[in-house]
Protein backbone atom coordinates (compact mmCIF):
# COMPACT_ATOMS: atom_id res chain seq x y z
CA MET A 1 89.84 79.08 139.34
CA ARG A 2 89.88 81.71 136.60
CA ILE A 3 91.95 81.01 133.48
CA ASP A 4 93.22 84.03 131.56
CA ALA A 5 94.39 83.85 127.96
CA ASN A 6 98.19 84.21 127.88
CA TYR A 7 98.25 86.70 125.01
CA THR A 8 97.03 90.27 124.55
CA GLU A 9 94.21 91.80 122.54
CA ASP A 10 96.86 93.50 120.39
CA VAL A 11 97.99 90.03 119.25
CA VAL A 12 94.43 89.27 118.10
CA GLY A 13 94.17 92.55 116.22
CA PHE A 14 97.54 92.16 114.53
CA ALA A 15 96.83 88.58 113.45
CA LEU A 16 93.37 89.25 112.03
CA GLU A 17 94.37 92.48 110.31
CA SER A 18 97.20 90.57 108.63
CA PHE A 19 94.81 87.88 107.36
CA LEU A 20 92.17 90.36 106.20
CA THR A 21 94.57 92.61 104.31
CA LEU A 22 96.10 89.60 102.55
CA LEU A 23 92.70 88.92 100.97
CA SER A 24 93.06 90.76 97.68
CA PHE A 25 91.13 89.86 94.52
CA PRO A 26 92.89 91.54 91.57
CA ARG A 27 90.55 90.31 88.85
CA HIS A 28 87.54 91.70 90.73
CA ARG A 29 89.30 94.90 91.83
CA PHE A 30 88.42 94.21 95.48
CA SER A 31 90.30 94.20 98.78
CA ILE A 32 89.81 94.66 102.54
CA GLU A 33 91.61 97.67 103.96
CA PRO A 34 92.21 99.05 107.46
CA PHE A 35 90.65 102.51 107.62
CA SER A 36 92.38 103.67 110.81
CA ARG A 37 95.33 105.90 110.07
CA GLY A 38 96.64 109.14 111.53
CA LYS A 39 97.06 112.27 109.43
CA GLU A 40 100.71 111.60 108.68
CA ARG A 41 99.73 108.24 107.18
CA TRP A 42 97.05 109.40 104.75
CA LEU A 43 98.88 112.33 103.21
CA GLY A 44 101.19 112.01 100.21
CA ALA A 45 101.20 108.64 98.45
CA ASP A 46 98.21 107.37 100.42
CA ALA A 47 96.12 110.36 99.39
CA ARG A 48 96.89 109.74 95.72
CA LEU A 49 95.79 106.13 96.13
CA HIS A 50 92.37 107.30 97.36
CA GLY A 51 91.58 108.47 93.85
CA ARG A 52 91.42 104.83 92.74
CA ILE A 53 88.58 103.91 95.12
CA ARG A 54 85.29 103.40 93.30
CA GLY A 55 83.25 102.50 96.37
CA PHE A 56 83.65 101.17 99.91
CA ARG A 57 81.65 99.68 102.78
CA PRO A 58 82.87 100.33 106.37
CA PHE A 59 82.67 97.89 109.26
CA TYR A 60 83.94 97.91 112.83
CA MET A 61 85.50 95.40 115.19
CA GLN A 62 86.82 95.48 118.71
CA PHE A 63 89.22 92.66 119.40
CA LYS A 64 88.96 90.81 122.71
CA ARG A 65 90.80 87.97 124.42
CA PRO A 66 88.93 85.27 126.33
CA THR A 67 88.95 84.36 130.00
CA ALA A 68 87.42 81.12 131.31
CA TYR A 69 86.02 79.36 134.36
CA PRO A 70 85.82 75.53 134.60
CA ASP A 71 82.41 73.98 135.04
CA PHE A 72 83.01 73.26 138.76
CA SER A 73 83.60 76.96 139.47
CA THR A 74 81.27 78.88 141.80
CA SER A 75 81.84 82.07 139.80
CA LYS A 76 78.88 84.21 138.74
CA ILE A 77 79.65 83.39 135.08
CA VAL A 78 79.09 79.67 135.66
CA THR A 79 76.16 80.00 138.08
CA ASP A 80 74.38 82.45 135.74
CA ARG A 81 74.78 80.07 132.84
CA ARG A 82 73.51 77.10 134.84
CA LYS A 83 70.40 79.04 135.89
CA ALA A 84 69.77 79.93 132.25
CA GLY A 85 70.17 76.28 131.18
CA LEU A 86 73.30 77.00 129.14
CA ILE A 87 76.32 74.73 128.66
CA THR A 88 79.19 75.17 131.13
CA THR A 89 81.33 72.10 130.35
CA PRO A 90 84.21 71.75 130.21
CA ARG A 91 84.46 75.48 130.84
CA ALA A 92 82.75 78.75 130.02
CA LEU A 93 84.63 81.46 128.14
CA TYR A 94 83.81 85.15 128.47
CA PHE A 95 85.04 88.69 127.96
CA PRO A 96 84.05 91.85 129.91
CA LEU A 97 82.94 95.25 128.64
CA ARG A 98 85.36 98.15 128.93
CA GLN A 99 85.07 100.75 131.64
CA LYS A 100 84.45 104.33 130.59
CA ARG A 101 87.34 106.76 130.70
CA GLU A 102 86.88 110.06 132.51
CA THR A 103 87.08 111.89 129.18
CA HIS A 104 84.37 109.75 127.52
CA ARG A 105 80.75 110.78 127.29
CA ASP A 106 79.59 107.19 127.02
CA PHE A 107 80.70 103.60 127.35
CA GLN A 108 82.73 102.02 124.57
CA HIS A 109 80.05 99.33 124.27
CA ASN A 110 77.42 101.95 123.46
CA VAL A 111 79.70 103.51 120.86
CA LEU A 112 80.01 100.15 119.10
CA PHE A 113 76.26 99.58 119.48
CA ARG A 114 75.35 102.90 117.85
CA LEU A 115 77.86 102.43 115.05
CA ARG A 116 76.14 99.13 114.31
CA GLU A 117 72.66 100.66 114.44
CA ARG A 118 73.48 103.36 111.92
CA LEU A 119 75.24 101.04 109.51
CA ARG A 120 72.49 98.44 109.59
CA ASN A 121 69.78 101.09 109.12
CA ARG A 122 71.50 101.89 105.84
CA GLY A 123 72.08 98.23 104.92
CA LEU A 124 75.75 99.12 105.00
CA GLY A 125 78.33 97.21 107.06
CA ASP A 126 78.20 96.09 110.69
CA ALA A 127 80.02 96.23 114.04
CA ALA A 128 80.94 93.50 116.52
CA TYR A 129 83.30 92.23 119.18
CA VAL A 130 85.68 89.56 117.88
CA CYS A 131 87.30 87.05 120.24
CA PRO A 132 89.43 83.92 119.63
CA LEU A 133 88.24 80.60 121.04
CA PHE A 134 91.75 79.81 122.31
CA LEU A 135 93.15 80.47 125.78
CA ASP A 136 96.68 79.28 125.06
CA ARG A 137 99.01 81.39 122.95
CA SER A 138 100.75 78.33 121.49
CA ALA A 139 97.47 76.77 120.35
CA TYR A 140 96.35 80.10 118.88
CA ARG A 141 99.66 80.53 117.08
CA LEU A 142 99.49 76.99 115.69
CA ASN A 143 95.98 77.62 114.38
CA LEU A 144 97.16 80.82 112.68
CA HIS A 145 100.13 78.96 111.25
CA TRP A 146 98.08 76.22 109.62
CA SER A 147 95.48 78.65 108.34
CA GLY A 148 98.02 81.16 107.13
CA LEU A 149 101.00 79.19 105.92
CA ALA A 150 99.86 75.71 104.97
CA ARG A 151 96.66 76.80 103.23
CA TRP A 152 98.05 79.92 101.59
CA GLY A 153 101.06 78.04 100.27
CA ARG A 154 98.70 75.81 98.31
CA PHE A 155 96.39 78.61 97.25
CA TRP A 156 99.22 80.71 95.87
CA ARG A 157 101.25 77.96 94.24
CA HIS A 158 101.37 79.71 90.85
CA HIS A 159 99.78 83.16 91.02
CA PRO A 160 98.53 85.30 93.93
CA TRP A 161 95.11 85.75 92.31
CA GLU A 162 94.42 82.01 92.35
CA ILE A 163 92.81 82.64 95.70
CA GLU A 164 89.90 84.19 93.81
CA ASP A 165 89.05 80.75 92.45
CA VAL A 166 89.00 79.37 95.99
CA MET A 167 87.33 82.21 97.91
CA LEU A 168 84.75 83.41 95.37
CA GLU A 169 81.68 81.57 94.13
CA ASP A 170 78.34 82.28 92.42
CA GLY A 171 80.09 83.78 89.41
CA GLY A 172 82.39 85.91 91.56
CA ARG A 173 79.49 87.55 93.42
CA ARG A 174 80.01 85.97 96.85
CA ILE A 175 83.08 85.74 99.10
CA ARG A 176 83.43 82.48 101.05
CA PHE A 177 85.20 83.49 104.24
CA ASP A 178 84.47 80.07 105.72
CA ARG A 179 87.18 78.69 103.44
CA MET A 180 89.77 80.38 105.66
CA PRO A 181 89.77 78.16 108.80
CA VAL A 182 91.14 80.88 111.07
CA PHE A 183 87.92 82.90 110.78
CA ALA A 184 85.88 79.96 112.08
CA GLU A 185 88.00 79.90 115.26
CA HIS A 186 86.86 83.36 116.37
CA ILE A 187 83.48 84.26 117.82
CA SER A 188 81.76 87.43 116.63
CA VAL A 189 79.38 89.11 119.09
CA PRO A 190 77.42 92.14 117.88
CA PRO A 191 76.52 94.51 120.74
CA HIS A 192 72.83 93.75 121.24
CA ALA A 193 71.69 96.61 123.51
CA ALA A 194 72.85 99.83 125.15
CA VAL A 195 74.13 99.69 128.74
CA THR A 196 74.25 102.06 131.70
CA THR A 197 77.26 100.38 133.31
CA ALA A 198 80.28 98.46 132.09
CA SER A 199 79.78 95.73 134.70
CA HIS A 200 78.57 93.21 132.14
CA ARG A 201 80.13 90.24 130.35
CA TYR A 202 79.45 88.12 127.31
CA SER A 203 80.03 84.39 127.91
CA PHE A 204 79.95 81.42 125.51
CA THR A 205 81.14 77.85 125.07
CA GLU A 206 84.52 76.77 123.73
CA SER A 207 82.88 76.33 120.32
CA GLY A 208 81.40 79.83 120.38
CA THR A 209 77.77 78.84 121.05
CA ASP A 210 75.24 79.44 123.85
CA LEU A 211 75.91 83.16 124.17
CA CYS A 212 74.91 84.80 127.45
CA PHE A 213 74.94 88.50 128.35
CA HIS A 214 75.47 88.72 132.08
CA SER A 215 72.58 90.73 133.23
CA PRO A 216 72.15 87.69 132.91
CA GLU A 217 70.26 87.09 129.69
CA ALA A 218 70.55 84.14 127.31
CA LEU A 219 71.12 85.22 123.68
CA PRO A 220 70.98 81.94 121.74
CA ASP A 221 71.05 83.65 118.32
CA GLY A 222 73.37 86.48 119.29
CA SER A 223 76.75 85.14 118.22
CA MET A 224 78.33 83.77 115.06
CA SER A 225 81.76 82.86 113.78
CA LEU A 226 83.91 85.63 112.35
CA ALA A 227 83.52 83.91 108.97
CA THR A 228 79.73 84.32 109.16
CA PHE A 229 80.06 87.93 110.31
CA LEU A 230 82.30 88.72 107.32
CA ASP A 231 79.90 86.88 105.01
CA LYS A 232 77.09 89.15 106.20
CA VAL A 233 79.22 92.31 105.97
CA SER A 234 80.23 91.51 102.38
CA ALA A 235 76.81 90.32 101.15
CA ARG A 236 76.19 91.62 97.60
CA PHE A 237 79.21 93.92 97.79
CA LEU A 238 80.48 92.49 94.50
CA ASP A 239 77.00 92.33 93.00
CA GLY A 240 75.62 95.87 93.03
CA GLY A 241 75.03 96.04 96.80
CA GLU A 242 75.15 99.22 98.85
CA LYS A 243 78.48 101.08 98.78
CA LEU A 244 79.70 104.55 99.60
CA SER A 245 81.37 106.60 96.92
CA PRO A 246 84.26 108.70 98.23
CA ASP A 247 82.71 112.01 97.16
CA GLY A 248 79.29 111.05 98.55
CA SER A 249 80.38 109.58 101.87
CA ASP A 250 80.44 112.65 104.11
CA GLN A 251 76.78 112.30 105.17
CA MET A 252 77.32 108.75 106.39
CA LEU A 253 80.48 109.82 108.22
CA SER A 254 78.55 112.63 109.92
CA GLU A 255 75.87 110.14 111.03
CA LEU A 256 78.49 107.82 112.55
CA ILE A 257 80.21 110.70 114.35
CA ALA A 258 76.84 111.82 115.73
CA GLY A 259 76.23 108.26 116.92
CA VAL A 260 79.42 108.24 118.93
CA ASP A 261 78.62 111.63 120.47
CA GLY A 262 75.18 110.40 121.53
CA ASP A 263 72.19 112.72 121.67
CA GLN A 264 73.02 115.64 119.43
CA ASN A 265 70.16 117.69 120.91
CA THR A 266 72.14 118.02 124.12
CA ALA A 267 75.75 117.56 123.06
CA ALA A 268 77.91 119.15 120.40
CA SER A 269 80.29 116.99 118.44
CA THR A 270 83.66 116.50 120.11
CA PHE A 271 85.38 115.28 116.94
CA ARG A 272 86.06 117.04 113.65
CA PRO A 273 87.59 114.92 110.86
CA GLU A 274 90.73 116.39 109.35
CA GLY A 275 91.67 116.90 105.72
CA GLU A 276 90.17 117.95 102.41
CA ASP A 277 90.24 114.44 100.96
CA PRO A 278 87.03 112.46 101.73
CA ILE A 279 88.85 109.18 102.36
CA GLY A 280 91.37 111.04 104.49
CA ARG A 281 88.50 112.18 106.70
CA TRP A 282 87.40 108.55 107.10
CA PHE A 283 90.97 107.61 108.04
CA SER A 284 91.00 110.44 110.58
CA TRP A 285 87.75 109.11 112.07
CA GLY A 286 89.16 105.58 112.21
CA ASP A 287 92.27 106.82 113.97
CA HIS A 288 90.06 108.59 116.52
CA LEU A 289 88.02 105.44 117.20
CA ARG A 290 91.18 103.39 117.62
CA SER A 291 92.91 105.81 120.00
CA GLU A 292 89.82 106.67 122.08
CA TYR A 293 87.82 103.43 122.12
CA GLU A 294 90.13 100.72 120.69
CA ILE A 295 87.58 100.11 117.93
CA GLU A 296 89.12 99.24 114.57
CA GLN A 297 87.62 100.57 111.36
CA PHE A 298 87.93 98.43 108.22
CA ALA A 299 86.37 98.74 104.78
CA LEU A 300 85.58 96.54 101.83
CA VAL A 301 87.00 98.48 98.89
CA ARG A 302 86.10 98.26 95.21
CA TRP A 303 88.89 99.74 93.09
CA LYS A 304 88.51 101.45 89.76
CA ASP A 305 89.53 99.62 86.60
CA GLU A 306 92.51 101.02 84.73
CA ALA A 307 90.17 102.33 82.03
CA ASP A 308 88.26 104.34 84.65
CA LEU A 309 91.38 106.30 85.56
CA PHE A 310 91.61 108.07 82.23
């Protein structure tokens, strides 16, 4: 008997985007921003705001919802895991890869995989699937409630920036995402290899361990919590680590676009970012990834101090 989560992937994306964009650190001039907006959203006031960005680090997520089989199931998910010596009790959770649209040159999984390769080659950001460990909407909502309302109410008792004292350590050089419980309740699965078909699935336990890629192939070190993923993405961001400056970011953007298009020796680019503003071009790219592949583009952003604006 297959058990489907009774909520949509849009719910996951909305919830996590809300939590991420609430994380603002005024004293350190740092925030997490969605970088997926259409042209009408990054003109005008948004474009003026871009001038305050000192540096940024992009990262990518595709939000999934889990499906499960109980341990007594004869499904391929369970039998594959048993053969690989992986845990199946009380049930195995999984999510499938997306099928390729007729208009796509490649599978969405390979797009995410190549985005990750290019970012990691530069020591700059990452890309992963992100999936809750809840099947029931009510349980998921309750977890979001306690993480979002109960904890934030205490954090922000006097001033919004008190969260910096809770979330930052090592002299303000490291962000402790594990101190937000909601991030620990999501599994992060980086795409580990390119595929030639979308008929694959990633499965894991209810605690997000014992990852299996259903070729099948056990990937014991292939998954982590969303908190750990964000820790890795943000490593040394506040301490002189690699960042893109707005005016110097076009080369990296071109590399990512080439990665989505695949082999540039045989295929011309199908996407041209719009706008004269560098950050606007990144927003245009993020909007393209969202509409074509349902991949969300985010960025860690370091803002200029007031003195830097004059």
